[in-house]
């Protein structure tokens, strides 16, 4: 929880610094991904 609105870019930047994954998935909260979609993207990049 941020104490102020940092905008989309600021929020992504802060979240990225807290992450550890090989891949980063930027995802809007109004998106619902279909079954297997994250796996498909990661497999393609692999």
ModelCIF file with pLDDT and N, C-alpha, C, O atoms, coordinates in Angstrom:
data_MODEL
#
_entry.id   MODEL 
#
_entity.id                         1 
_entity.type                       polymer 
_entity.pdbx_number_of_molecules   1 
#
_entity_poly.entity_id                      1 
_entity_poly.type                           'polypeptide(L)' 
_entity_poly.nstd_linkage                   no 
_entity_poly.nstd_monomer                   no 
_entity_poly.pdbx_seq_one_letter_code       
;(UNK)(UNK)(UNK)(UNK)(UNK)(UNK)(UNK)(UNK)(UNK)(UNK)(UNK)(UNK)(UNK)(UNK)(UNK)(UNK)
(UNK)(UNK)(UNK)(UNK)(UNK)(UNK)(UNK)(UNK)(UNK)(UNK)(UNK)(UNK)(UNK)(UNK)(UNK)(UNK)
(UNK)(UNK)(UNK)(UNK)(UNK)(UNK)(UNK)(UNK)(UNK)(UNK)(UNK)(UNK)(UNK)(UNK)
;
_entity_poly.pdbx_seq_one_letter_code_can   XXXXXXXXXXXXXXXXXXXXXXXXXXXXXXXXXXXXXXXXXXXXXX 
_entity_poly.pdbx_strand_id                 A 
#
loop_
_entity_poly_seq.entity_id 
_entity_poly_seq.num 
_entity_poly_seq.mon_id 
_entity_poly_seq.hetero 
1 1  UNK n 
1 2  UNK n 
1 3  UNK n 
1 4  UNK n 
1 5  UNK n 
1 6  UNK n 
1 7  UNK n 
1 8  UNK n 
1 9  UNK n 
1 10 UNK n 
1 11 UNK n 
1 12 UNK n 
1 13 UNK n 
1 14 UNK n 
1 15 UNK n 
1 16 UNK n 
1 17 UNK n 
1 18 UNK n 
1 19 UNK n 
1 20 UNK n 
1 21 UNK n 
1 22 UNK n 
1 23 UNK n 
1 24 UNK n 
1 25 UNK n 
1 26 UNK n 
1 27 UNK n 
1 28 UNK n 
1 29 UNK n 
1 30 UNK n 
1 31 UNK n 
1 32 UNK n 
1 33 UNK n 
1 34 UNK n 
1 35 UNK n 
1 36 UNK n 
1 37 UNK n 
1 38 UNK n 
1 39 UNK n 
1 40 UNK n 
1 41 UNK n 
1 42 UNK n 
1 43 UNK n 
1 44 UNK n 
1 45 UNK n 
1 46 UNK n 
#
_struct_asym.id          A 
_struct_asym.entity_id   1 
#
loop_
_ma_qa_metric.id 
_ma_qa_metric.mode 
_ma_qa_metric.name 
_ma_qa_metric.software_group_id 
_ma_qa_metric.type 
1 global pLDDT . pLDDT 
2 local  pLDDT . pLDDT 
#
_ma_qa_metric_global.metric_id      1 
_ma_qa_metric_global.metric_value   96.80 
_ma_qa_metric_global.model_id       1 
_ma_qa_metric_global.ordinal_id     1 
#
loop_
_ma_qa_metric_local.label_asym_id 
_ma_qa_metric_local.label_comp_id 
_ma_qa_metric_local.label_seq_id 
_ma_qa_metric_local.metric_id 
_ma_qa_metric_local.metric_value 
_ma_qa_metric_local.model_id 
_ma_qa_metric_local.ordinal_id 
A UNK 1  2 96.00 1 1  
A UNK 2  2 96.00 1 2  
A UNK 3  2 94.00 1 3  
A UNK 4  2 94.00 1 4  
A UNK 5  2 94.00 1 5  
A UNK 6  2 95.00 1 6  
A UNK 7  2 94.00 1 7  
A UNK 8  2 95.00 1 8  
A UNK 9  2 97.00 1 9  
A UNK 10 2 97.00 1 10 
A UNK 11 2 97.00 1 11 
A UNK 12 2 97.00 1 12 
A UNK 13 2 97.00 1 13 
A UNK 14 2 97.00 1 14 
A UNK 15 2 97.00 1 15 
A UNK 16 2 97.00 1 16 
A UNK 17 2 96.00 1 17 
A UNK 18 2 96.00 1 18 
A UNK 19 2 96.00 1 19 
A UNK 20 2 96.00 1 20 
A UNK 21 2 97.00 1 21 
A UNK 22 2 97.00 1 22 
A UNK 23 2 98.00 1 23 
A UNK 24 2 98.00 1 24 
A UNK 25 2 98.00 1 25 
A UNK 26 2 98.00 1 26 
A UNK 27 2 98.00 1 27 
A UNK 28 2 96.00 1 28 
A UNK 29 2 95.00 1 29 
A UNK 30 2 95.00 1 30 
A UNK 31 2 96.00 1 31 
A UNK 32 2 97.00 1 32 
A UNK 33 2 98.00 1 33 
A UNK 34 2 98.00 1 34 
A UNK 35 2 98.00 1 35 
A UNK 36 2 98.00 1 36 
A UNK 37 2 98.00 1 37 
A UNK 38 2 98.00 1 38 
A UNK 39 2 98.00 1 39 
A UNK 40 2 98.00 1 40 
A UNK 41 2 98.00 1 41 
A UNK 42 2 98.00 1 42 
A UNK 43 2 98.00 1 43 
A UNK 44 2 98.00 1 44 
A UNK 45 2 98.00 1 45 
A UNK 46 2 98.00 1 46 
#
loop_
_atom_site.group_PDB 
_atom_site.id 
_atom_site.type_symbol 
_atom_site.label_atom_id 
_atom_site.label_alt_id 
_atom_site.label_comp_id 
_atom_site.label_asym_id 
_atom_site.label_entity_id 
_atom_site.label_seq_id 
_atom_site.pdbx_PDB_ins_code 
_atom_site.Cartn_x 
_atom_site.Cartn_y 
_atom_site.Cartn_z 
_atom_site.occupancy 
_atom_site.B_iso_or_equiv 
_atom_site.pdbx_formal_charge 
_atom_site.auth_seq_id 
_atom_site.auth_comp_id 
_atom_site.auth_asym_id 
_atom_site.auth_atom_id 
_atom_site.pdbx_PDB_model_num 
ATOM 1   N N  . UNK A 1 1  ? 0.843  -1.190  0.000   1.00 96.00 ? 1  UNK A N  1 
ATOM 2   C CA . UNK A 1 1  ? 0.000  0.000   0.000   1.00 96.00 ? 1  UNK A CA 1 
ATOM 3   C C  . UNK A 1 1  ? 0.882  1.244   0.000   1.00 96.00 ? 1  UNK A C  1 
ATOM 4   O O  . UNK A 1 1  ? 1.659  1.467   0.928   1.00 96.00 ? 1  UNK A O  1 
ATOM 5   N N  . UNK A 1 2  ? 0.752  2.044   -1.044  1.00 96.00 ? 2  UNK A N  1 
ATOM 6   C CA . UNK A 1 2  ? 1.515  3.288   -1.137  1.00 96.00 ? 2  UNK A CA 1 
ATOM 7   C C  . UNK A 1 2  ? 0.790  4.385   -0.376  1.00 96.00 ? 2  UNK A C  1 
ATOM 8   O O  . UNK A 1 2  ? -0.439 4.406   -0.300  1.00 96.00 ? 2  UNK A O  1 
ATOM 9   N N  . UNK A 1 3  ? 1.581  5.300   0.189   1.00 94.00 ? 3  UNK A N  1 
ATOM 10  C CA . UNK A 1 3  ? 0.980  6.409   0.923   1.00 94.00 ? 3  UNK A CA 1 
ATOM 11  C C  . UNK A 1 3  ? 0.438  7.481   -0.020  1.00 94.00 ? 3  UNK A C  1 
ATOM 12  O O  . UNK A 1 3  ? -0.276 8.385   0.413   1.00 94.00 ? 3  UNK A O  1 
ATOM 13  N N  . UNK A 1 4  ? 0.780  7.380   -1.332  1.00 94.00 ? 4  UNK A N  1 
ATOM 14  C CA . UNK A 1 4  ? 0.270  8.332   -2.313  1.00 94.00 ? 4  UNK A CA 1 
ATOM 15  C C  . UNK A 1 4  ? 0.204  7.650   -3.672  1.00 94.00 ? 4  UNK A C  1 
ATOM 16  O O  . UNK A 1 4  ? 0.789  6.587   -3.881  1.00 94.00 ? 4  UNK A O  1 
ATOM 17  N N  . UNK A 1 5  ? -0.510 8.276   -4.578  1.00 94.00 ? 5  UNK A N  1 
ATOM 18  C CA . UNK A 1 5  ? -0.646 7.732   -5.924  1.00 94.00 ? 5  UNK A CA 1 
ATOM 19  C C  . UNK A 1 5  ? 0.610  8.059   -6.719  1.00 94.00 ? 5  UNK A C  1 
ATOM 20  O O  . UNK A 1 5  ? 0.870  9.221   -7.031  1.00 94.00 ? 5  UNK A O  1 
ATOM 21  N N  . UNK A 1 6  ? 1.387  7.034   -7.043  1.00 95.00 ? 6  UNK A N  1 
ATOM 22  C CA . UNK A 1 6  ? 2.624  7.200   -7.805  1.00 95.00 ? 6  UNK A CA 1 
ATOM 23  C C  . UNK A 1 6  ? 2.413  7.043   -9.303  1.00 95.00 ? 6  UNK A C  1 
ATOM 24  O O  . UNK A 1 6  ? 3.373  7.106   -10.070 1.00 95.00 ? 6  UNK A O  1 
ATOM 25  N N  . UNK A 1 7  ? 1.186  6.841   -9.725  1.00 94.00 ? 7  UNK A N  1 
ATOM 26  C CA . UNK A 1 7  ? 0.921  6.609   -11.136 1.00 94.00 ? 7  UNK A CA 1 
ATOM 27  C C  . UNK A 1 7  ? 1.254  5.185   -11.536 1.00 94.00 ? 7  UNK A C  1 
ATOM 28  O O  . UNK A 1 7  ? 1.838  4.429   -10.760 1.00 94.00 ? 7  UNK A O  1 
ATOM 29  N N  . UNK A 1 8  ? 0.874  4.826   -12.761 1.00 95.00 ? 8  UNK A N  1 
ATOM 30  C CA . UNK A 1 8  ? 1.128  3.464   -13.233 1.00 95.00 ? 8  UNK A CA 1 
ATOM 31  C C  . UNK A 1 8  ? 2.617  3.167   -13.291 1.00 95.00 ? 8  UNK A C  1 
ATOM 32  O O  . UNK A 1 8  ? 3.061  2.123   -12.813 1.00 95.00 ? 8  UNK A O  1 
ATOM 33  N N  . UNK A 1 9  ? 3.391  4.075   -13.874 1.00 97.00 ? 9  UNK A N  1 
ATOM 34  C CA . UNK A 1 9  ? 4.828  3.840   -14.001 1.00 97.00 ? 9  UNK A CA 1 
ATOM 35  C C  . UNK A 1 9  ? 5.493  3.688   -12.648 1.00 97.00 ? 9  UNK A C  1 
ATOM 36  O O  . UNK A 1 9  ? 6.289  2.770   -12.446 1.00 97.00 ? 9  UNK A O  1 
ATOM 37  N N  . UNK A 1 10 ? 5.175  4.583   -11.716 1.00 97.00 ? 10 UNK A N  1 
ATOM 38  C CA . UNK A 1 10 ? 5.769  4.502   -10.387 1.00 97.00 ? 10 UNK A CA 1 
ATOM 39  C C  . UNK A 1 10 ? 5.402  3.223   -9.671  1.00 97.00 ? 10 UNK A C  1 
ATOM 40  O O  . UNK A 1 10 ? 6.235  2.623   -8.993  1.00 97.00 ? 10 UNK A O  1 
ATOM 41  N N  . UNK A 1 11 ? 4.144  2.799   -9.819  1.00 97.00 ? 11 UNK A N  1 
ATOM 42  C CA . UNK A 1 11 ? 3.712  1.558   -9.192  1.00 97.00 ? 11 UNK A CA 1 
ATOM 43  C C  . UNK A 1 11 ? 4.426  0.344   -9.746  1.00 97.00 ? 11 UNK A C  1 
ATOM 44  O O  . UNK A 1 11 ? 4.843  -0.533  -8.990  1.00 97.00 ? 11 UNK A O  1 
ATOM 45  N N  . UNK A 1 12 ? 4.571  0.287   -11.077 1.00 97.00 ? 12 UNK A N  1 
ATOM 46  C CA . UNK A 1 12 ? 5.288  -0.827  -11.700 1.00 97.00 ? 12 UNK A CA 1 
ATOM 47  C C  . UNK A 1 12 ? 6.742  -0.843  -11.257 1.00 97.00 ? 12 UNK A C  1 
ATOM 48  O O  . UNK A 1 12 ? 7.287  -1.903  -10.948 1.00 97.00 ? 12 UNK A O  1 
ATOM 49  N N  . UNK A 1 13 ? 7.372  0.322   -11.224 1.00 97.00 ? 13 UNK A N  1 
ATOM 50  C CA . UNK A 1 13 ? 8.780  0.391   -10.829 1.00 97.00 ? 13 UNK A CA 1 
ATOM 51  C C  . UNK A 1 13 ? 8.978  -0.107  -9.398  1.00 97.00 ? 13 UNK A C  1 
ATOM 52  O O  . UNK A 1 13 ? 9.917  -0.856  -9.126  1.00 97.00 ? 13 UNK A O  1 
ATOM 53  N N  . UNK A 1 14 ? 8.110  0.301   -8.495  1.00 97.00 ? 14 UNK A N  1 
ATOM 54  C CA . UNK A 1 14 ? 8.214  -0.152  -7.102  1.00 97.00 ? 14 UNK A CA 1 
ATOM 55  C C  . UNK A 1 14 ? 7.987  -1.655  -7.001  1.00 97.00 ? 14 UNK A C  1 
ATOM 56  O O  . UNK A 1 14 ? 8.721  -2.350  -6.298  1.00 97.00 ? 14 UNK A O  1 
ATOM 57  N N  . UNK A 1 15 ? 6.970  -2.160  -7.703  1.00 97.00 ? 15 UNK A N  1 
ATOM 58  C CA . UNK A 1 15 ? 6.677  -3.589  -7.658  1.00 97.00 ? 15 UNK A CA 1 
ATOM 59  C C  . UNK A 1 15 ? 7.821  -4.404  -8.240  1.00 97.00 ? 15 UNK A C  1 
ATOM 60  O O  . UNK A 1 15 ? 8.151  -5.467  -7.716  1.00 97.00 ? 15 UNK A O  1 
ATOM 61  N N  . UNK A 1 16 ? 8.432  -3.919  -9.320  1.00 97.00 ? 16 UNK A N  1 
ATOM 62  C CA . UNK A 1 16 ? 9.532  -4.661  -9.952  1.00 97.00 ? 16 UNK A CA 1 
ATOM 63  C C  . UNK A 1 16 ? 10.695 -4.830  -8.985  1.00 97.00 ? 16 UNK A C  1 
ATOM 64  O O  . UNK A 1 16 ? 11.317 -5.892  -8.945  1.00 97.00 ? 16 UNK A O  1 
ATOM 65  N N  . UNK A 1 17 ? 10.994 -3.800  -8.211  1.00 96.00 ? 17 UNK A N  1 
ATOM 66  C CA . UNK A 1 17 ? 12.114 -3.880  -7.273  1.00 96.00 ? 17 UNK A CA 1 
ATOM 67  C C  . UNK A 1 17 ? 11.856 -4.885  -6.149  1.00 96.00 ? 17 UNK A C  1 
ATOM 68  O O  . UNK A 1 17 ? 12.790 -5.330  -5.482  1.00 96.00 ? 17 UNK A O  1 
ATOM 69  N N  . UNK A 1 18 ? 10.604 -5.235  -5.947  1.00 96.00 ? 18 UNK A N  1 
ATOM 70  C CA . UNK A 1 18 ? 10.258 -6.222  -4.925  1.00 96.00 ? 18 UNK A CA 1 
ATOM 71  C C  . UNK A 1 18 ? 10.156 -7.638  -5.490  1.00 96.00 ? 18 UNK A C  1 
ATOM 72  O O  . UNK A 1 18 ? 9.927  -8.586  -4.740  1.00 96.00 ? 18 UNK A O  1 
ATOM 73  N N  . UNK A 1 19 ? 10.324 -7.789  -6.802  1.00 96.00 ? 19 UNK A N  1 
ATOM 74  C CA . UNK A 1 19 ? 10.099 -9.070  -7.460  1.00 96.00 ? 19 UNK A CA 1 
ATOM 75  C C  . UNK A 1 19 ? 11.395 -9.839  -7.650  1.00 96.00 ? 19 UNK A C  1 
ATOM 76  O O  . UNK A 1 19 ? 12.487 -9.275  -7.578  1.00 96.00 ? 19 UNK A O  1 
ATOM 77  N N  . UNK A 1 20 ? 11.254 -11.151 -7.895  1.00 96.00 ? 20 UNK A N  1 
ATOM 78  C CA . UNK A 1 20 ? 12.431 -12.012 -8.072  1.00 96.00 ? 20 UNK A CA 1 
ATOM 79  C C  . UNK A 1 20 ? 12.329 -12.932 -9.287  1.00 96.00 ? 20 UNK A C  1 
ATOM 80  O O  . UNK A 1 20 ? 13.270 -13.674 -9.565  1.00 96.00 ? 20 UNK A O  1 
ATOM 81  N N  . UNK A 1 21 ? 11.218 -12.903 -10.013 1.00 97.00 ? 21 UNK A N  1 
ATOM 82  C CA . UNK A 1 21 ? 11.002 -13.846 -11.107 1.00 97.00 ? 21 UNK A CA 1 
ATOM 83  C C  . UNK A 1 21 ? 11.889 -13.615 -12.316 1.00 97.00 ? 21 UNK A C  1 
ATOM 84  O O  . UNK A 1 21 ? 12.387 -12.511 -12.539 1.00 97.00 ? 21 UNK A O  1 
ATOM 85  N N  . UNK A 1 22 ? 12.081 -14.686 -13.104 1.00 97.00 ? 22 UNK A N  1 
ATOM 86  C CA . UNK A 1 22 ? 12.859 -14.576 -14.353 1.00 97.00 ? 22 UNK A CA 1 
ATOM 87  C C  . UNK A 1 22 ? 12.145 -13.697 -15.367 1.00 97.00 ? 22 UNK A C  1 
ATOM 88  O O  . UNK A 1 22 ? 12.774 -12.971 -16.137 1.00 97.00 ? 22 UNK A O  1 
ATOM 89  N N  . UNK A 1 23 ? 10.835 -13.776 -15.355 1.00 98.00 ? 23 UNK A N  1 
ATOM 90  C CA . UNK A 1 23 ? 10.009 -12.960 -16.233 1.00 98.00 ? 23 UNK A CA 1 
ATOM 91  C C  . UNK A 1 23 ? 9.114  -12.057 -15.396 1.00 98.00 ? 23 UNK A C  1 
ATOM 92  O O  . UNK A 1 23 ? 8.710  -12.409 -14.287 1.00 98.00 ? 23 UNK A O  1 
ATOM 93  N N  . UNK A 1 24 ? 8.812  -10.884 -15.949 1.00 98.00 ? 24 UNK A N  1 
ATOM 94  C CA . UNK A 1 24 ? 7.921  -9.933  -15.296 1.00 98.00 ? 24 UNK A CA 1 
ATOM 95  C C  . UNK A 1 24 ? 6.669  -9.792  -16.150 1.00 98.00 ? 24 UNK A C  1 
ATOM 96  O O  . UNK A 1 24 ? 6.752  -9.476  -17.337 1.00 98.00 ? 24 UNK A O  1 
ATOM 97  N N  . UNK A 1 25 ? 5.519  -10.026 -15.550 1.00 98.00 ? 25 UNK A N  1 
ATOM 98  C CA . UNK A 1 25 ? 4.249  -9.864  -16.265 1.00 98.00 ? 25 UNK A CA 1 
ATOM 99  C C  . UNK A 1 25 ? 3.548  -8.622  -15.742 1.00 98.00 ? 25 UNK A C  1 
ATOM 100 O O  . UNK A 1 25 ? 3.039  -8.612  -14.621 1.00 98.00 ? 25 UNK A O  1 
ATOM 101 N N  . UNK A 1 26 ? 3.523  -7.577  -16.559 1.00 98.00 ? 26 UNK A N  1 
ATOM 102 C CA . UNK A 1 26 ? 2.735  -6.407  -16.232 1.00 98.00 ? 26 UNK A CA 1 
ATOM 103 C C  . UNK A 1 26 ? 1.289  -6.727  -16.560 1.00 98.00 ? 26 UNK A C  1 
ATOM 104 O O  . UNK A 1 26 ? 0.971  -7.127  -17.680 1.00 98.00 ? 26 UNK A O  1 
ATOM 105 N N  . UNK A 1 27 ? 0.411  -6.548  -15.577 1.00 98.00 ? 27 UNK A N  1 
ATOM 106 C CA . UNK A 1 27 ? -0.981 -6.950  -15.763 1.00 98.00 ? 27 UNK A CA 1 
ATOM 107 C C  . UNK A 1 27 ? -1.909 -5.930  -15.131 1.00 98.00 ? 27 UNK A C  1 
ATOM 108 O O  . UNK A 1 27 ? -1.775 -5.606  -13.951 1.00 98.00 ? 27 UNK A O  1 
ATOM 109 N N  . UNK A 1 28 ? -2.851 -5.424  -15.916 1.00 96.00 ? 28 UNK A N  1 
ATOM 110 C CA . UNK A 1 28 ? -3.850 -4.519  -15.376 1.00 96.00 ? 28 UNK A CA 1 
ATOM 111 C C  . UNK A 1 28 ? -4.848 -5.279  -14.508 1.00 96.00 ? 28 UNK A C  1 
ATOM 112 O O  . UNK A 1 28 ? -5.139 -6.443  -14.781 1.00 96.00 ? 28 UNK A O  1 
ATOM 113 N N  . UNK A 1 29 ? -5.372 -4.639  -13.472 1.00 95.00 ? 29 UNK A N  1 
ATOM 114 C CA . UNK A 1 29 ? -6.332 -5.327  -12.607 1.00 95.00 ? 29 UNK A CA 1 
ATOM 115 C C  . UNK A 1 29 ? -7.660 -5.618  -13.286 1.00 95.00 ? 29 UNK A C  1 
ATOM 116 O O  . UNK A 1 29 ? -8.447 -6.414  -12.774 1.00 95.00 ? 29 UNK A O  1 
ATOM 117 N N  . UNK A 1 30 ? -7.929 -4.990  -14.435 1.00 95.00 ? 30 UNK A N  1 
ATOM 118 C CA . UNK A 1 30 ? -9.175 -5.267  -15.151 1.00 95.00 ? 30 UNK A CA 1 
ATOM 119 C C  . UNK A 1 30 ? -8.977 -6.303  -16.251 1.00 95.00 ? 30 UNK A C  1 
ATOM 120 O O  . UNK A 1 30 ? -9.786 -6.397  -17.174 1.00 95.00 ? 30 UNK A O  1 
ATOM 121 N N  . UNK A 1 31 ? -7.897 -7.083  -16.154 1.00 96.00 ? 31 UNK A N  1 
ATOM 122 C CA . UNK A 1 31 ? -7.635 -8.182  -17.093 1.00 96.00 ? 31 UNK A CA 1 
ATOM 123 C C  . UNK A 1 31 ? -7.854 -9.522  -16.401 1.00 96.00 ? 31 UNK A C  1 
ATOM 124 O O  . UNK A 1 31 ? -7.452 -9.703  -15.251 1.00 96.00 ? 31 UNK A O  1 
ATOM 125 N N  . UNK A 1 32 ? -8.486 -10.455 -17.095 1.00 97.00 ? 32 UNK A N  1 
ATOM 126 C CA . UNK A 1 32 ? -8.614 -11.844 -16.638 1.00 97.00 ? 32 UNK A CA 1 
ATOM 127 C C  . UNK A 1 32 ? -7.999 -12.731 -17.717 1.00 97.00 ? 32 UNK A C  1 
ATOM 128 O O  . UNK A 1 32 ? -8.550 -12.868 -18.809 1.00 97.00 ? 32 UNK A O  1 
ATOM 129 N N  . UNK A 1 33 ? -6.864 -13.325 -17.402 1.00 98.00 ? 33 UNK A N  1 
ATOM 130 C CA . UNK A 1 33 ? -6.176 -14.155 -18.380 1.00 98.00 ? 33 UNK A CA 1 
ATOM 131 C C  . UNK A 1 33 ? -6.796 -15.542 -18.444 1.00 98.00 ? 33 UNK A C  1 
ATOM 132 O O  . UNK A 1 33 ? -7.226 -16.091 -17.430 1.00 98.00 ? 33 UNK A O  1 
ATOM 133 N N  . UNK A 1 34 ? -6.836 -16.098 -19.645 1.00 98.00 ? 34 UNK A N  1 
ATOM 134 C CA . UNK A 1 34 ? -7.409 -17.425 -19.849 1.00 98.00 ? 34 UNK A CA 1 
ATOM 135 C C  . UNK A 1 34 ? -6.461 -18.503 -19.343 1.00 98.00 ? 34 UNK A C  1 
ATOM 136 O O  . UNK A 1 34 ? -5.271 -18.260 -19.142 1.00 98.00 ? 34 UNK A O  1 
ATOM 137 N N  . UNK A 1 35 ? -7.003 -19.689 -19.142 1.00 98.00 ? 35 UNK A N  1 
ATOM 138 C CA . UNK A 1 35 ? -6.228 -20.821 -18.630 1.00 98.00 ? 35 UNK A CA 1 
ATOM 139 C C  . UNK A 1 35 ? -5.011 -21.077 -19.513 1.00 98.00 ? 35 UNK A C  1 
ATOM 140 O O  . UNK A 1 35 ? -5.114 -21.138 -20.738 1.00 98.00 ? 35 UNK A O  1 
ATOM 141 N N  . UNK A 1 36 ? -3.859 -21.225 -18.864 1.00 98.00 ? 36 UNK A N  1 
ATOM 142 C CA . UNK A 1 36 ? -2.623 -21.550 -19.560 1.00 98.00 ? 36 UNK A CA 1 
ATOM 143 C C  . UNK A 1 36 ? -1.921 -20.389 -20.228 1.00 98.00 ? 36 UNK A C  1 
ATOM 144 O O  . UNK A 1 36 ? -0.871 -20.583 -20.839 1.00 98.00 ? 36 UNK A O  1 
ATOM 145 N N  . UNK A 1 37 ? -2.470 -19.177 -20.132 1.00 98.00 ? 37 UNK A N  1 
ATOM 146 C CA . UNK A 1 37 ? -1.915 -18.051 -20.887 1.00 98.00 ? 37 UNK A CA 1 
ATOM 147 C C  . UNK A 1 37 ? -0.549 -17.621 -20.364 1.00 98.00 ? 37 UNK A C  1 
ATOM 148 O O  . UNK A 1 37 ? 0.347  -17.331 -21.156 1.00 98.00 ? 37 UNK A O  1 
ATOM 149 N N  . UNK A 1 38 ? -0.377 -17.575 -19.056 1.00 98.00 ? 38 UNK A N  1 
ATOM 150 C CA . UNK A 1 38 ? 0.931  -17.204 -18.506 1.00 98.00 ? 38 UNK A CA 1 
ATOM 151 C C  . UNK A 1 38 ? 1.960  -18.265 -18.861 1.00 98.00 ? 38 UNK A C  1 
ATOM 152 O O  . UNK A 1 38 ? 3.096  -17.940 -19.210 1.00 98.00 ? 38 UNK A O  1 
ATOM 153 N N  . UNK A 1 39 ? 1.570  -19.527 -18.775 1.00 98.00 ? 39 UNK A N  1 
ATOM 154 C CA . UNK A 1 39 ? 2.475  -20.613 -19.150 1.00 98.00 ? 39 UNK A CA 1 
ATOM 155 C C  . UNK A 1 39 ? 2.862  -20.521 -20.627 1.00 98.00 ? 39 UNK A C  1 
ATOM 156 O O  . UNK A 1 39 ? 4.014  -20.768 -20.982 1.00 98.00 ? 39 UNK A O  1 
ATOM 157 N N  . UNK A 1 40 ? 1.909  -20.167 -21.481 1.00 98.00 ? 40 UNK A N  1 
ATOM 158 C CA . UNK A 1 40 ? 2.197  -20.049 -22.917 1.00 98.00 ? 40 UNK A CA 1 
ATOM 159 C C  . UNK A 1 40 ? 3.194  -18.936 -23.198 1.00 98.00 ? 40 UNK A C  1 
ATOM 160 O O  . UNK A 1 40 ? 4.111  -19.111 -24.000 1.00 98.00 ? 40 UNK A O  1 
ATOM 161 N N  . UNK A 1 41 ? 3.024  -17.799 -22.547 1.00 98.00 ? 41 UNK A N  1 
ATOM 162 C CA . UNK A 1 41 ? 3.947  -16.684 -22.759 1.00 98.00 ? 41 UNK A CA 1 
ATOM 163 C C  . UNK A 1 41 ? 5.354  -17.041 -22.284 1.00 98.00 ? 41 UNK A C  1 
ATOM 164 O O  . UNK A 1 41 ? 6.339  -16.777 -22.972 1.00 98.00 ? 41 UNK A O  1 
ATOM 165 N N  . UNK A 1 42 ? 5.434  -17.647 -21.096 1.00 98.00 ? 42 UNK A N  1 
ATOM 166 C CA . UNK A 1 42 ? 6.742  -18.031 -20.566 1.00 98.00 ? 42 UNK A CA 1 
ATOM 167 C C  . UNK A 1 42 ? 7.409  -19.085 -21.441 1.00 98.00 ? 42 UNK A C  1 
ATOM 168 O O  . UNK A 1 42 ? 8.616  -19.026 -21.675 1.00 98.00 ? 42 UNK A O  1 
ATOM 169 N N  . UNK A 1 43 ? 6.629  -20.049 -21.925 1.00 98.00 ? 43 UNK A N  1 
ATOM 170 C CA . UNK A 1 43 ? 7.181  -21.088 -22.794 1.00 98.00 ? 43 UNK A CA 1 
ATOM 171 C C  . UNK A 1 43 ? 7.699  -20.489 -24.095 1.00 98.00 ? 43 UNK A C  1 
ATOM 172 O O  . UNK A 1 43 ? 8.738  -20.914 -24.603 1.00 98.00 ? 43 UNK A O  1 
ATOM 173 N N  . UNK A 1 44 ? 6.988  -19.511 -24.635 1.00 98.00 ? 44 UNK A N  1 
ATOM 174 C CA . UNK A 1 44 ? 7.431  -18.871 -25.867 1.00 98.00 ? 44 UNK A CA 1 
ATOM 175 C C  . UNK A 1 44 ? 8.764  -18.157 -25.653 1.00 98.00 ? 44 UNK A C  1 
ATOM 176 O O  . UNK A 1 44 ? 9.676  -18.273 -26.473 1.00 98.00 ? 44 UNK A O  1 
ATOM 177 N N  . UNK A 1 45 ? 8.872  -17.418 -24.548 1.00 98.00 ? 45 UNK A N  1 
ATOM 178 C CA . UNK A 1 45 ? 10.129 -16.720 -24.281 1.00 98.00 ? 45 UNK A CA 1 
ATOM 179 C C  . UNK A 1 45 ? 11.265 -17.708 -23.984 1.00 98.00 ? 45 UNK A C  1 
ATOM 180 O O  . UNK A 1 45 ? 12.422 -17.441 -24.308 1.00 98.00 ? 45 UNK A O  1 
ATOM 181 N N  . UNK A 1 46 ? 10.928 -18.855 -23.362 1.00 98.00 ? 46 UNK A N  1 
ATOM 182 C CA . UNK A 1 46 ? 11.947 -19.884 -23.146 1.00 98.00 ? 46 UNK A CA 1 
ATOM 183 C C  . UNK A 1 46 ? 12.522 -20.379 -24.467 1.00 98.00 ? 46 UNK A C  1 
ATOM 184 O O  . UNK A 1 46 ? 13.395 -21.247 -24.475 1.00 98.00 ? 46 UNK A O  1 
#
